[in-house]
N, C-alpha and C. Protein backbone atom coordinates (compact mmCIF):
# COMPACT_ATOMS: atom_id res chain seq x y z
N MET A 1 95.52 104.35 107.02
CA MET A 1 95.21 103.15 107.77
C MET A 1 94.57 103.57 109.10
N PRO A 2 93.46 102.94 109.45
CA PRO A 2 92.80 103.28 110.72
C PRO A 2 93.73 103.03 111.91
N ASN A 3 93.55 103.81 112.94
CA ASN A 3 94.39 103.73 114.12
C ASN A 3 94.38 102.33 114.74
N ILE A 4 93.24 101.68 114.78
CA ILE A 4 93.17 100.35 115.40
C ILE A 4 94.03 99.34 114.63
N THR A 5 94.08 99.48 113.32
CA THR A 5 94.89 98.59 112.49
C THR A 5 96.37 98.83 112.77
N ASN A 6 96.74 100.09 112.86
CA ASN A 6 98.13 100.45 113.18
C ASN A 6 98.53 99.87 114.53
N THR A 7 97.68 100.05 115.52
CA THR A 7 97.96 99.58 116.86
C THR A 7 98.06 98.05 116.89
N ALA A 8 97.19 97.38 116.16
CA ALA A 8 97.22 95.91 116.09
C ALA A 8 98.54 95.43 115.49
N LYS A 9 98.99 96.09 114.43
CA LYS A 9 100.25 95.72 113.80
C LYS A 9 101.42 95.96 114.75
N GLN A 10 101.37 97.06 115.50
CA GLN A 10 102.43 97.34 116.47
C GLN A 10 102.44 96.29 117.57
N LEU A 11 101.26 95.89 118.02
CA LEU A 11 101.16 94.86 119.05
C LEU A 11 101.79 93.55 118.57
N ALA A 12 101.43 93.13 117.37
CA ALA A 12 102.00 91.89 116.81
C ALA A 12 103.52 91.99 116.73
N THR A 13 104.03 93.14 116.33
CA THR A 13 105.49 93.33 116.24
C THR A 13 106.13 93.27 117.62
N GLU A 14 105.51 93.91 118.60
CA GLU A 14 106.06 93.89 119.96
C GLU A 14 106.04 92.47 120.55
N ILE A 15 104.99 91.72 120.28
CA ILE A 15 104.93 90.32 120.74
C ILE A 15 106.06 89.53 120.10
N THR A 16 106.27 89.76 118.81
CA THR A 16 107.37 89.08 118.10
C THR A 16 108.71 89.43 118.74
N ASN A 17 108.95 90.72 118.94
CA ASN A 17 110.22 91.14 119.56
C ASN A 17 110.41 90.50 120.92
N PHE A 18 109.36 90.49 121.72
CA PHE A 18 109.42 89.90 123.05
C PHE A 18 109.76 88.41 122.97
N ASN A 19 109.02 87.68 122.12
CA ASN A 19 109.23 86.23 122.02
C ASN A 19 110.60 85.88 121.42
N VAL A 20 111.06 86.67 120.48
CA VAL A 20 112.37 86.41 119.87
C VAL A 20 113.46 86.52 120.94
N LYS A 21 113.38 87.53 121.79
CA LYS A 21 114.37 87.69 122.86
C LYS A 21 114.21 86.62 123.93
N LYS A 22 112.97 86.42 124.36
CA LYS A 22 112.71 85.47 125.45
C LYS A 22 113.11 84.04 125.08
N ASN A 23 112.77 83.64 123.86
CA ASN A 23 113.01 82.26 123.42
C ASN A 23 114.28 82.12 122.59
N ASP A 24 115.05 83.20 122.49
CA ASP A 24 116.30 83.21 121.72
C ASP A 24 116.10 82.65 120.31
N VAL A 25 115.06 83.16 119.64
CA VAL A 25 114.75 82.71 118.28
C VAL A 25 115.80 83.29 117.33
N LYS A 26 116.34 82.43 116.48
CA LYS A 26 117.36 82.86 115.52
C LYS A 26 116.98 82.42 114.13
N GLY A 27 117.43 83.19 113.16
CA GLY A 27 117.18 82.84 111.76
C GLY A 27 115.97 83.56 111.21
N ARG A 28 116.16 84.02 110.00
CA ARG A 28 115.11 84.79 109.34
C ARG A 28 113.80 84.01 109.21
N THR A 29 113.88 82.75 108.84
CA THR A 29 112.68 81.93 108.63
C THR A 29 111.91 81.76 109.94
N ARG A 30 112.62 81.48 111.03
CA ARG A 30 111.94 81.28 112.32
C ARG A 30 111.34 82.59 112.84
N ILE A 31 112.08 83.68 112.69
CA ILE A 31 111.56 84.97 113.16
C ILE A 31 110.36 85.39 112.32
N THR A 32 110.43 85.18 111.01
CA THR A 32 109.29 85.49 110.14
C THR A 32 108.09 84.65 110.52
N GLY A 33 108.31 83.37 110.78
CA GLY A 33 107.22 82.48 111.20
C GLY A 33 106.57 82.96 112.49
N GLU A 34 107.40 83.39 113.43
CA GLU A 34 106.90 83.92 114.70
C GLU A 34 106.05 85.18 114.45
N HIS A 35 106.53 86.03 113.57
CA HIS A 35 105.81 87.27 113.27
C HIS A 35 104.47 87.00 112.58
N VAL A 36 104.47 86.08 111.63
CA VAL A 36 103.23 85.72 110.93
C VAL A 36 102.23 85.16 111.93
N LYS A 37 102.70 84.28 112.82
CA LYS A 37 101.82 83.68 113.83
C LYS A 37 101.21 84.76 114.71
N ASN A 38 102.02 85.71 115.14
CA ASN A 38 101.52 86.78 116.02
C ASN A 38 100.52 87.68 115.29
N ASN A 39 100.76 87.97 114.02
CA ASN A 39 99.79 88.74 113.24
C ASN A 39 98.47 87.99 113.12
N GLN A 40 98.53 86.69 112.90
CA GLN A 40 97.31 85.89 112.80
C GLN A 40 96.56 85.88 114.13
N ASP A 41 97.31 85.75 115.24
CA ASP A 41 96.68 85.75 116.56
C ASP A 41 95.99 87.08 116.85
N VAL A 42 96.66 88.18 116.51
CA VAL A 42 96.06 89.50 116.74
C VAL A 42 94.82 89.68 115.85
N ARG A 43 94.91 89.18 114.63
CA ARG A 43 93.75 89.27 113.72
C ARG A 43 92.57 88.48 114.28
N LEU A 44 92.84 87.31 114.84
CA LEU A 44 91.77 86.51 115.46
C LEU A 44 91.15 87.27 116.63
N LEU A 45 91.99 87.92 117.42
CA LEU A 45 91.50 88.72 118.54
C LEU A 45 90.59 89.85 118.05
N LEU A 46 91.00 90.53 116.98
CA LEU A 46 90.15 91.58 116.40
C LEU A 46 88.82 90.99 115.94
N GLY A 47 88.89 89.82 115.32
CA GLY A 47 87.69 89.15 114.82
C GLY A 47 86.70 88.83 115.93
N LYS A 48 87.21 88.51 117.12
CA LYS A 48 86.33 88.22 118.26
C LYS A 48 85.51 89.45 118.65
N SER A 49 86.00 90.61 118.28
CA SER A 49 85.27 91.86 118.54
C SER A 49 84.58 92.36 117.27
N SER A 50 84.45 91.49 116.30
CA SER A 50 83.81 91.81 115.01
C SER A 50 84.51 92.95 114.27
N ILE A 51 85.82 93.00 114.39
CA ILE A 51 86.60 94.02 113.68
C ILE A 51 87.35 93.32 112.56
N ARG A 52 87.03 93.72 111.32
CA ARG A 52 87.73 93.19 110.14
C ARG A 52 88.48 94.35 109.50
N PRO A 53 89.81 94.35 109.59
CA PRO A 53 90.59 95.48 109.07
C PRO A 53 90.25 95.88 107.64
N GLU A 54 90.01 94.90 106.77
CA GLU A 54 89.72 95.22 105.37
C GLU A 54 88.35 95.89 105.20
N ALA A 55 87.50 95.81 106.21
CA ALA A 55 86.17 96.41 106.12
C ALA A 55 86.13 97.80 106.77
N LEU A 56 87.21 98.21 107.41
CA LEU A 56 87.23 99.51 108.07
C LEU A 56 87.42 100.62 107.04
N PRO A 57 86.79 101.77 107.28
CA PRO A 57 86.99 102.90 106.36
C PRO A 57 88.41 103.42 106.50
N SER A 58 88.98 103.89 105.42
CA SER A 58 90.34 104.42 105.48
C SER A 58 90.32 105.78 106.15
N GLU A 59 91.41 106.09 106.81
CA GLU A 59 91.55 107.39 107.47
C GLU A 59 91.93 108.43 106.42
N VAL A 60 91.60 109.67 106.69
CA VAL A 60 91.96 110.76 105.80
C VAL A 60 93.46 110.98 105.91
N ASP A 61 94.12 111.09 104.77
CA ASP A 61 95.54 111.36 104.74
C ASP A 61 95.81 112.72 105.38
N ILE A 62 96.75 112.78 106.31
CA ILE A 62 97.03 114.01 107.05
C ILE A 62 97.46 115.15 106.13
N LYS A 63 98.20 114.86 105.08
CA LYS A 63 98.64 115.91 104.15
C LYS A 63 97.44 116.50 103.42
N LYS A 64 96.50 115.64 103.01
CA LYS A 64 95.29 116.13 102.35
C LYS A 64 94.48 117.00 103.31
N LEU A 65 94.42 116.57 104.56
CA LEU A 65 93.68 117.32 105.56
C LEU A 65 94.33 118.68 105.80
N GLU A 66 95.65 118.73 105.86
CA GLU A 66 96.34 120.01 106.04
C GLU A 66 96.07 120.95 104.87
N ARG A 67 96.10 120.41 103.63
CA ARG A 67 95.82 121.25 102.46
C ARG A 67 94.38 121.77 102.51
N ARG A 68 93.44 120.93 102.93
CA ARG A 68 92.04 121.34 103.00
C ARG A 68 91.87 122.47 104.02
N VAL A 69 92.55 122.35 105.16
CA VAL A 69 92.46 123.39 106.19
C VAL A 69 93.05 124.71 105.67
N LYS A 70 94.19 124.65 104.99
CA LYS A 70 94.79 125.86 104.43
C LYS A 70 93.85 126.53 103.43
N THR A 71 93.23 125.71 102.56
CA THR A 71 92.30 126.23 101.57
C THR A 71 91.11 126.91 102.27
N LEU A 72 90.56 126.25 103.27
CA LEU A 72 89.43 126.84 103.99
C LEU A 72 89.83 128.13 104.70
N ASP A 73 91.04 128.15 105.28
CA ASP A 73 91.52 129.37 105.92
C ASP A 73 91.60 130.52 104.93
N LYS A 74 92.10 130.25 103.73
CA LYS A 74 92.20 131.28 102.70
C LYS A 74 90.82 131.78 102.29
N GLU A 75 89.88 130.84 102.14
CA GLU A 75 88.52 131.23 101.76
C GLU A 75 87.88 132.11 102.83
N ILE A 76 88.09 131.76 104.09
CA ILE A 76 87.54 132.54 105.20
C ILE A 76 88.16 133.94 105.20
N ALA A 77 89.48 133.99 105.02
CA ALA A 77 90.17 135.29 104.99
C ALA A 77 89.64 136.16 103.85
N LYS A 78 89.42 135.58 102.68
CA LYS A 78 88.89 136.34 101.54
C LYS A 78 87.50 136.88 101.85
N LYS A 79 86.65 136.06 102.47
CA LYS A 79 85.29 136.50 102.80
C LYS A 79 85.31 137.63 103.81
N LYS A 80 86.22 137.52 104.79
CA LYS A 80 86.33 138.59 105.79
C LYS A 80 86.81 139.88 105.14
N LEU A 81 87.79 139.76 104.25
CA LEU A 81 88.32 140.93 103.56
C LEU A 81 87.25 141.55 102.67
N LYS A 82 86.52 140.71 101.97
CA LYS A 82 85.45 141.19 101.09
C LYS A 82 84.37 141.90 101.91
N GLY A 83 83.99 141.32 103.03
CA GLY A 83 82.99 141.93 103.90
C GLY A 83 83.46 143.23 104.47
N LYS A 84 84.73 143.33 104.77
CA LYS A 84 85.32 144.56 105.30
C LYS A 84 85.29 145.66 104.26
N ASN A 85 85.62 145.32 103.00
CA ASN A 85 85.61 146.29 101.91
C ASN A 85 84.20 146.78 101.60
N ASP A 86 83.20 145.90 101.74
CA ASP A 86 81.82 146.28 101.47
C ASP A 86 81.34 147.32 102.49
N THR A 87 81.78 147.22 103.73
CA THR A 87 81.32 148.16 104.76
C THR A 87 82.06 149.48 104.71
N GLU A 88 83.22 149.51 104.09
CA GLU A 88 84.03 150.74 104.04
C GLU A 88 83.51 151.70 102.97
N GLU A 89 82.76 151.25 102.02
CA GLU A 89 82.34 152.12 100.91
C GLU A 89 81.28 153.07 101.29
């Protein structure tokens, strides 16, 4: 998930938490309604800046990125070792 989408979701959650405490909102239905409203408001705000979360490219999964870096490191090490062996002969 792109960072801006994550941040937007966190903002909506924080607004919900704030309003629930401030207005003493009780009950699952009312709290859920508050949260849905805040998500919609944040989405409208993103839209004003022409940001549509569903149109954003997905971020690279960190685990995939770590595996790719390890693979590249191994390939580089092999090339260095191979080059070293070629000069020793």
